[in-house]
């Protein structure tokens, strides 16, 4: 077992609108073109909630409401361990302008599997499918 592997702590925003979630394709690095939930590294002294709000402002020029923590994903990449706090968020103000990502999509439970997710994000997809299906069922009942 490796104990010297560096741990990187990040916070990710699962931005939700009705029964869809917002996802972005990385525009740089080894995993360019792979899909993820926007967010980024925690800075020293910053909470995960503060980090995700700051990162979304920096990456998407959008102010968000940071809601409940859905889950914390722990994933071992070849060169580091990722600890990712994932939060359910909504847009407070802004237009989700892509500054770093190469592409973005709103995905429903039916098309959430249509993109190539980063390995760490895959651990969250089944949870999100159930959440989106529940929200769709609630919307169907209301209409």
N, C-alpha and C. Protein backbone atom coordinates (compact mmCIF):
# COMPACT_ATOMS: atom_id res chain seq x y z
N UNK A 1 0.84 -1.19 0.00
CA UNK A 1 0.00 0.00 0.00
C UNK A 1 0.89 1.25 0.00
N UNK A 2 0.53 2.22 -0.84
CA UNK A 2 1.32 3.45 -0.93
C UNK A 2 0.83 4.47 0.08
N UNK A 3 1.75 4.96 0.90
CA UNK A 3 1.39 5.98 1.88
C UNK A 3 1.95 7.34 1.52
N UNK A 4 2.82 7.39 0.50
CA UNK A 4 3.44 8.66 0.15
C UNK A 4 2.70 9.37 -0.98
N UNK A 5 1.58 8.83 -1.40
CA UNK A 5 0.82 9.44 -2.49
C UNK A 5 0.21 10.76 -2.01
N UNK A 6 0.37 11.77 -2.80
CA UNK A 6 -0.16 13.10 -2.47
C UNK A 6 -1.69 13.08 -2.56
N UNK A 7 -2.35 13.70 -1.58
CA UNK A 7 -3.81 13.84 -1.61
C UNK A 7 -4.15 15.26 -2.05
N UNK A 8 -5.02 15.34 -3.04
CA UNK A 8 -5.50 16.64 -3.52
C UNK A 8 -6.96 16.75 -3.11
N UNK A 9 -7.28 17.82 -2.37
CA UNK A 9 -8.66 18.07 -1.93
C UNK A 9 -9.32 19.07 -2.86
N UNK A 10 -10.45 18.68 -3.40
CA UNK A 10 -11.19 19.56 -4.29
C UNK A 10 -12.66 19.60 -3.88
N UNK A 11 -13.35 20.60 -4.39
CA UNK A 11 -14.79 20.71 -4.20
C UNK A 11 -15.42 20.85 -5.58
N UNK A 12 -16.52 20.12 -5.80
CA UNK A 12 -17.19 20.14 -7.09
C UNK A 12 -18.64 20.57 -6.93
N UNK A 13 -19.12 21.31 -7.93
CA UNK A 13 -20.51 21.79 -7.94
C UNK A 13 -21.33 20.93 -8.89
N UNK A 14 -22.35 20.30 -8.35
CA UNK A 14 -23.34 19.63 -9.19
C UNK A 14 -24.46 20.65 -9.32
N UNK A 15 -24.36 21.47 -10.37
CA UNK A 15 -25.32 22.56 -10.59
C UNK A 15 -26.57 21.95 -11.21
N UNK A 16 -27.68 22.15 -10.53
CA UNK A 16 -28.93 21.52 -10.96
C UNK A 16 -29.96 22.58 -11.34
N UNK A 17 -30.72 22.27 -12.39
CA UNK A 17 -31.81 23.13 -12.84
C UNK A 17 -32.96 22.20 -13.21
N UNK A 18 -34.03 22.24 -12.43
CA UNK A 18 -35.15 21.32 -12.62
C UNK A 18 -34.65 19.87 -12.52
N UNK A 19 -34.63 19.14 -13.64
CA UNK A 19 -34.20 17.75 -13.62
C UNK A 19 -32.98 17.52 -14.51
N UNK A 20 -32.11 18.54 -14.57
CA UNK A 20 -30.87 18.44 -15.36
C UNK A 20 -29.70 18.94 -14.51
N UNK A 21 -28.53 18.41 -14.83
CA UNK A 21 -27.31 18.86 -14.17
C UNK A 21 -26.34 19.39 -15.21
N UNK A 22 -25.49 20.29 -14.76
CA UNK A 22 -24.52 20.96 -15.63
C UNK A 22 -23.18 20.25 -15.53
N UNK A 23 -22.61 19.89 -16.67
CA UNK A 23 -21.31 19.21 -16.70
C UNK A 23 -20.41 19.91 -17.71
N UNK A 24 -19.10 19.82 -17.49
CA UNK A 24 -18.15 20.46 -18.40
C UNK A 24 -17.09 19.46 -18.85
N UNK A 25 -16.56 19.70 -20.03
CA UNK A 25 -15.45 18.88 -20.55
C UNK A 25 -14.16 19.66 -20.31
N UNK A 26 -13.18 18.98 -19.73
CA UNK A 26 -11.90 19.62 -19.42
C UNK A 26 -11.27 20.17 -20.69
N UNK A 27 -10.73 21.38 -20.58
CA UNK A 27 -10.11 22.02 -21.72
C UNK A 27 -8.60 21.96 -21.70
N UNK A 28 -8.02 21.19 -20.79
CA UNK A 28 -6.55 21.18 -20.65
C UNK A 28 -6.09 19.89 -19.97
N UNK A 29 -4.81 19.64 -20.04
CA UNK A 29 -4.17 18.58 -19.25
C UNK A 29 -4.35 17.18 -19.80
N UNK A 30 -3.90 16.24 -18.98
CA UNK A 30 -3.90 14.82 -19.33
C UNK A 30 -5.31 14.30 -19.64
N UNK A 31 -6.31 14.84 -18.98
CA UNK A 31 -7.68 14.37 -19.17
C UNK A 31 -8.52 15.34 -20.01
N UNK A 32 -7.87 16.07 -20.90
CA UNK A 32 -8.58 17.01 -21.77
C UNK A 32 -9.69 16.28 -22.53
N UNK A 33 -10.87 16.87 -22.54
CA UNK A 33 -12.01 16.30 -23.25
C UNK A 33 -12.87 15.37 -22.41
N UNK A 34 -12.39 14.97 -21.23
CA UNK A 34 -13.18 14.15 -20.33
C UNK A 34 -14.13 15.05 -19.57
N UNK A 35 -15.28 14.50 -19.17
CA UNK A 35 -16.32 15.28 -18.52
C UNK A 35 -16.23 15.21 -17.01
N UNK A 36 -16.64 16.32 -16.38
CA UNK A 36 -16.56 16.44 -14.93
C UNK A 36 -17.58 17.45 -14.45
N UNK A 37 -17.66 17.55 -13.13
CA UNK A 37 -18.45 18.60 -12.51
C UNK A 37 -17.49 19.73 -12.18
N UNK A 38 -17.85 20.97 -12.52
CA UNK A 38 -16.91 22.07 -12.31
C UNK A 38 -16.58 22.29 -10.84
N UNK A 39 -15.41 22.81 -10.60
CA UNK A 39 -14.93 23.06 -9.24
C UNK A 39 -13.43 23.12 -9.26
N UNK A 40 -12.81 22.90 -8.10
CA UNK A 40 -11.36 22.95 -8.06
C UNK A 40 -10.80 22.78 -6.67
N UNK A 41 -9.51 23.00 -6.59
CA UNK A 41 -8.76 22.77 -5.35
C UNK A 41 -9.13 23.76 -4.25
N UNK A 42 -9.10 23.24 -3.03
CA UNK A 42 -9.29 24.10 -1.86
C UNK A 42 -8.00 24.87 -1.61
N UNK A 43 -8.13 26.15 -1.31
CA UNK A 43 -6.98 26.95 -0.92
C UNK A 43 -6.83 26.87 0.59
N UNK A 44 -5.65 27.18 1.08
CA UNK A 44 -5.38 27.08 2.52
C UNK A 44 -6.37 27.93 3.32
N UNK A 45 -6.96 27.33 4.35
CA UNK A 45 -7.89 28.04 5.23
C UNK A 45 -9.30 28.15 4.69
N UNK A 46 -9.56 27.56 3.53
CA UNK A 46 -10.85 27.67 2.88
C UNK A 46 -11.69 26.41 3.14
N UNK A 47 -12.98 26.59 3.38
CA UNK A 47 -13.86 25.42 3.50
C UNK A 47 -14.18 24.93 2.09
N UNK A 48 -14.69 23.70 2.01
CA UNK A 48 -15.08 23.15 0.71
C UNK A 48 -16.19 23.99 0.08
N UNK A 49 -17.12 24.46 0.91
CA UNK A 49 -18.21 25.29 0.40
C UNK A 49 -17.69 26.61 -0.17
N UNK A 50 -16.74 27.23 0.53
CA UNK A 50 -16.13 28.48 0.02
C UNK A 50 -15.37 28.22 -1.27
N UNK A 51 -14.65 27.10 -1.31
CA UNK A 51 -13.85 26.77 -2.50
C UNK A 51 -14.73 26.57 -3.73
N UNK A 52 -15.83 25.83 -3.57
CA UNK A 52 -16.66 25.57 -4.74
C UNK A 52 -17.31 26.86 -5.25
N UNK A 53 -17.74 27.73 -4.35
CA UNK A 53 -18.32 29.01 -4.77
C UNK A 53 -17.28 29.86 -5.51
N UNK A 54 -16.05 29.92 -4.96
CA UNK A 54 -14.97 30.70 -5.60
C UNK A 54 -14.62 30.12 -6.97
N UNK A 55 -14.46 28.81 -7.03
CA UNK A 55 -14.08 28.16 -8.29
C UNK A 55 -15.12 28.38 -9.39
N UNK A 56 -16.40 28.30 -9.04
CA UNK A 56 -17.45 28.50 -10.05
C UNK A 56 -17.45 29.95 -10.53
N UNK A 57 -17.18 30.87 -9.63
CA UNK A 57 -17.07 32.27 -10.04
C UNK A 57 -15.88 32.43 -11.00
N UNK A 58 -14.73 31.84 -10.65
CA UNK A 58 -13.53 31.97 -11.48
C UNK A 58 -13.66 31.26 -12.83
N UNK A 59 -14.24 30.05 -12.83
CA UNK A 59 -14.30 29.24 -14.05
C UNK A 59 -15.49 29.56 -14.94
N UNK A 60 -16.60 30.00 -14.34
CA UNK A 60 -17.85 30.15 -15.10
C UNK A 60 -18.49 31.52 -14.98
N UNK A 61 -17.84 32.44 -14.24
CA UNK A 61 -18.36 33.80 -14.07
C UNK A 61 -19.81 33.77 -13.56
N UNK A 62 -20.07 32.84 -12.63
CA UNK A 62 -21.42 32.63 -12.12
C UNK A 62 -21.39 32.52 -10.60
N UNK A 63 -22.38 33.15 -9.97
CA UNK A 63 -22.54 33.05 -8.52
C UNK A 63 -23.54 31.93 -8.26
N UNK A 64 -23.19 31.03 -7.33
CA UNK A 64 -24.06 29.89 -7.04
C UNK A 64 -24.51 29.87 -5.59
N UNK A 65 -25.61 29.19 -5.36
CA UNK A 65 -26.04 28.83 -4.02
C UNK A 65 -25.48 27.44 -3.76
N UNK A 66 -24.66 27.30 -2.74
CA UNK A 66 -24.09 26.01 -2.40
C UNK A 66 -25.01 25.32 -1.41
N UNK A 67 -25.55 24.19 -1.82
CA UNK A 67 -26.48 23.44 -0.99
C UNK A 67 -25.80 22.30 -0.26
N UNK A 68 -26.54 21.21 -0.12
CA UNK A 68 -26.06 20.07 0.66
C UNK A 68 -24.90 19.35 -0.02
N UNK A 69 -24.04 18.78 0.82
CA UNK A 69 -22.97 17.92 0.32
C UNK A 69 -23.62 16.59 -0.06
N UNK A 70 -23.52 16.21 -1.33
CA UNK A 70 -24.12 14.96 -1.79
C UNK A 70 -23.27 13.78 -1.33
N UNK A 71 -21.98 13.87 -1.58
CA UNK A 71 -21.07 12.84 -1.13
C UNK A 71 -19.63 13.32 -1.28
N UNK A 72 -18.72 12.61 -0.62
CA UNK A 72 -17.30 12.85 -0.80
C UNK A 72 -16.74 11.65 -1.54
N UNK A 73 -16.18 11.91 -2.70
CA UNK A 73 -15.60 10.85 -3.53
C UNK A 73 -14.12 10.73 -3.19
N UNK A 74 -13.68 9.52 -2.92
CA UNK A 74 -12.26 9.24 -2.71
C UNK A 74 -11.81 8.38 -3.88
N UNK A 75 -10.79 8.83 -4.62
CA UNK A 75 -10.38 8.09 -5.81
C UNK A 75 -8.86 8.15 -5.97
N UNK A 76 -8.27 7.01 -6.29
CA UNK A 76 -6.83 6.94 -6.52
C UNK A 76 -6.52 7.03 -8.01
N UNK A 77 -5.98 8.17 -8.43
CA UNK A 77 -5.43 8.30 -9.77
C UNK A 77 -4.00 7.77 -9.71
N UNK A 78 -3.37 7.51 -10.86
CA UNK A 78 -2.02 6.94 -10.83
C UNK A 78 -1.00 7.78 -10.05
N UNK A 79 -1.13 9.11 -10.09
CA UNK A 79 -0.10 9.96 -9.49
C UNK A 79 -0.53 10.65 -8.19
N UNK A 80 -1.81 10.53 -7.83
CA UNK A 80 -2.29 11.21 -6.61
C UNK A 80 -3.61 10.60 -6.16
N UNK A 81 -3.99 10.91 -4.92
CA UNK A 81 -5.29 10.52 -4.38
C UNK A 81 -6.18 11.76 -4.40
N UNK A 82 -7.38 11.63 -4.92
CA UNK A 82 -8.33 12.74 -4.98
C UNK A 82 -9.39 12.56 -3.90
N UNK A 83 -9.62 13.62 -3.14
CA UNK A 83 -10.71 13.67 -2.18
C UNK A 83 -11.61 14.82 -2.63
N UNK A 84 -12.80 14.49 -3.13
CA UNK A 84 -13.66 15.48 -3.77
C UNK A 84 -15.01 15.59 -3.05
N UNK A 85 -15.25 16.74 -2.43
CA UNK A 85 -16.55 17.03 -1.82
C UNK A 85 -17.47 17.55 -2.91
N UNK A 86 -18.61 16.89 -3.08
CA UNK A 86 -19.56 17.24 -4.14
C UNK A 86 -20.82 17.85 -3.54
N UNK A 87 -21.17 19.03 -4.02
CA UNK A 87 -22.30 19.78 -3.48
C UNK A 87 -23.38 19.99 -4.53
N UNK A 88 -24.63 19.90 -4.09
CA UNK A 88 -25.76 20.24 -4.93
C UNK A 88 -25.87 21.77 -4.93
N UNK A 89 -25.85 22.37 -6.11
CA UNK A 89 -25.83 23.83 -6.22
C UNK A 89 -26.86 24.31 -7.23
N UNK A 90 -27.24 25.58 -7.10
CA UNK A 90 -28.11 26.22 -8.08
C UNK A 90 -27.48 27.55 -8.47
N UNK A 91 -27.84 28.03 -9.66
CA UNK A 91 -27.33 29.32 -10.13
C UNK A 91 -28.06 30.43 -9.39
N UNK A 92 -27.28 31.32 -8.80
CA UNK A 92 -27.84 32.49 -8.13
C UNK A 92 -27.86 33.66 -9.10
N UNK A 93 -26.71 33.86 -9.80
CA UNK A 93 -26.60 34.97 -10.74
C UNK A 93 -25.47 34.67 -11.72
N UNK A 94 -25.72 34.85 -13.01
CA UNK A 94 -24.69 34.64 -14.01
C UNK A 94 -25.17 33.72 -15.12
N UNK A 95 -24.32 33.56 -16.14
CA UNK A 95 -24.70 32.84 -17.35
C UNK A 95 -23.83 31.63 -17.66
N UNK A 96 -23.08 31.10 -16.68
CA UNK A 96 -22.23 29.93 -16.89
C UNK A 96 -21.34 30.09 -18.12
N UNK A 97 -20.50 31.10 -18.10
CA UNK A 97 -19.57 31.40 -19.20
C UNK A 97 -18.34 30.49 -19.07
N UNK A 98 -18.04 29.73 -20.12
CA UNK A 98 -16.90 28.81 -20.08
C UNK A 98 -15.59 29.56 -20.24
N UNK A 99 -14.77 29.57 -19.18
CA UNK A 99 -13.46 30.21 -19.24
C UNK A 99 -12.34 29.19 -19.38
N UNK A 100 -12.54 27.97 -18.85
CA UNK A 100 -11.50 26.95 -18.89
C UNK A 100 -11.94 25.69 -19.60
N UNK A 101 -13.20 25.35 -19.50
CA UNK A 101 -13.71 24.11 -20.10
C UNK A 101 -13.85 24.28 -21.61
N UNK A 102 -13.77 23.16 -22.34
CA UNK A 102 -13.90 23.25 -23.79
C UNK A 102 -15.34 23.11 -24.26
N UNK A 103 -16.19 22.54 -23.39
CA UNK A 103 -17.58 22.33 -23.75
C UNK A 103 -18.39 22.16 -22.47
N UNK A 104 -19.70 22.38 -22.57
CA UNK A 104 -20.59 22.17 -21.42
C UNK A 104 -21.93 21.69 -21.94
N UNK A 105 -22.62 20.94 -21.08
CA UNK A 105 -23.96 20.45 -21.42
C UNK A 105 -24.81 20.36 -20.16
N UNK A 106 -26.11 20.51 -20.37
CA UNK A 106 -27.09 20.19 -19.34
C UNK A 106 -27.52 18.75 -19.62
N UNK A 107 -27.38 17.88 -18.63
CA UNK A 107 -27.68 16.46 -18.80
C UNK A 107 -28.83 16.01 -17.91
N UNK A 108 -29.71 15.20 -18.47
CA UNK A 108 -30.82 14.62 -17.70
C UNK A 108 -30.43 13.20 -17.29
N UNK A 109 -31.30 12.54 -16.55
CA UNK A 109 -30.99 11.16 -16.15
C UNK A 109 -30.89 10.25 -17.38
N UNK A 110 -31.58 10.59 -18.47
CA UNK A 110 -31.55 9.77 -19.68
C UNK A 110 -30.24 9.91 -20.45
N UNK A 111 -29.61 11.07 -20.41
CA UNK A 111 -28.39 11.25 -21.21
C UNK A 111 -27.12 11.47 -20.38
N UNK A 112 -27.20 11.24 -19.07
CA UNK A 112 -26.04 11.45 -18.20
C UNK A 112 -24.88 10.50 -18.57
N UNK A 113 -25.22 9.35 -19.17
CA UNK A 113 -24.18 8.39 -19.57
C UNK A 113 -23.65 8.66 -20.98
N UNK A 114 -24.08 9.73 -21.61
CA UNK A 114 -23.69 10.00 -23.01
C UNK A 114 -22.33 10.66 -23.13
N UNK A 115 -21.70 10.99 -22.02
CA UNK A 115 -20.38 11.64 -22.06
C UNK A 115 -19.36 10.75 -21.36
N UNK A 116 -18.08 10.97 -21.66
CA UNK A 116 -16.99 10.20 -21.04
C UNK A 116 -16.58 10.90 -19.74
N UNK A 117 -17.07 10.39 -18.61
CA UNK A 117 -16.80 10.99 -17.30
C UNK A 117 -15.39 10.67 -16.84
N UNK A 118 -14.78 11.61 -16.13
CA UNK A 118 -13.52 11.33 -15.45
C UNK A 118 -13.75 10.18 -14.47
N UNK A 119 -12.75 9.33 -14.28
CA UNK A 119 -12.94 8.17 -13.40
C UNK A 119 -13.49 8.52 -12.01
N UNK A 120 -13.02 9.57 -11.40
CA UNK A 120 -13.49 9.94 -10.05
C UNK A 120 -14.96 10.33 -10.07
N UNK A 121 -15.40 10.98 -11.12
CA UNK A 121 -16.79 11.45 -11.20
C UNK A 121 -17.77 10.29 -11.40
N UNK A 122 -17.30 9.18 -11.96
CA UNK A 122 -18.17 8.03 -12.18
C UNK A 122 -18.83 7.55 -10.89
N UNK A 123 -18.12 7.69 -9.76
CA UNK A 123 -18.66 7.26 -8.48
C UNK A 123 -19.90 8.03 -8.05
N UNK A 124 -20.14 9.14 -8.66
CA UNK A 124 -21.26 10.01 -8.30
C UNK A 124 -22.46 9.83 -9.25
N UNK A 125 -22.23 9.27 -10.42
CA UNK A 125 -23.25 9.25 -11.48
C UNK A 125 -24.51 8.48 -11.08
N UNK A 126 -24.38 7.31 -10.48
CA UNK A 126 -25.58 6.54 -10.09
C UNK A 126 -26.42 7.31 -9.07
N UNK A 127 -25.76 7.96 -8.12
CA UNK A 127 -26.47 8.78 -7.13
C UNK A 127 -27.24 9.89 -7.83
N UNK A 128 -26.61 10.53 -8.80
CA UNK A 128 -27.24 11.64 -9.51
C UNK A 128 -28.39 11.17 -10.41
N UNK A 129 -28.23 10.01 -11.02
CA UNK A 129 -29.34 9.47 -11.83
C UNK A 129 -30.59 9.33 -10.98
N UNK A 130 -30.43 8.75 -9.78
CA UNK A 130 -31.58 8.57 -8.89
C UNK A 130 -32.17 9.92 -8.50
N UNK A 131 -31.32 10.88 -8.17
CA UNK A 131 -31.78 12.21 -7.79
C UNK A 131 -32.56 12.86 -8.93
N UNK A 132 -32.03 12.80 -10.15
CA UNK A 132 -32.69 13.41 -11.30
C UNK A 132 -34.01 12.71 -11.62
N UNK A 133 -34.04 11.39 -11.49
CA UNK A 133 -35.29 10.66 -11.73
C UNK A 133 -36.36 11.04 -10.70
N UNK A 134 -35.94 11.22 -9.44
CA UNK A 134 -36.88 11.65 -8.40
C UNK A 134 -37.43 13.04 -8.72
N UNK A 135 -36.54 13.93 -9.16
CA UNK A 135 -36.98 15.30 -9.48
C UNK A 135 -37.91 15.29 -10.68
N UNK A 136 -37.64 14.44 -11.68
CA UNK A 136 -38.51 14.33 -12.86
C UNK A 136 -39.88 13.79 -12.46
N UNK A 137 -39.89 12.77 -11.59
CA UNK A 137 -41.16 12.19 -11.12
C UNK A 137 -41.96 13.24 -10.37
N UNK A 138 -41.30 14.05 -9.55
CA UNK A 138 -41.99 15.12 -8.81
C UNK A 138 -42.57 16.15 -9.77
N UNK A 139 -41.81 16.48 -10.81
CA UNK A 139 -42.29 17.46 -11.81
C UNK A 139 -43.49 16.89 -12.57
N UNK A 140 -43.44 15.59 -12.88
CA UNK A 140 -44.55 14.96 -13.59
C UNK A 140 -45.83 14.98 -12.76
N UNK A 141 -45.68 14.76 -11.46
CA UNK A 141 -46.84 14.78 -10.56
C UNK A 141 -47.45 16.18 -10.49
N UNK A 142 -46.57 17.21 -10.47
CA UNK A 142 -47.06 18.59 -10.37
C UNK A 142 -47.74 19.05 -11.65
N UNK A 143 -47.36 18.50 -12.81
CA UNK A 143 -47.92 19.01 -14.06
C UNK A 143 -49.15 18.25 -14.51
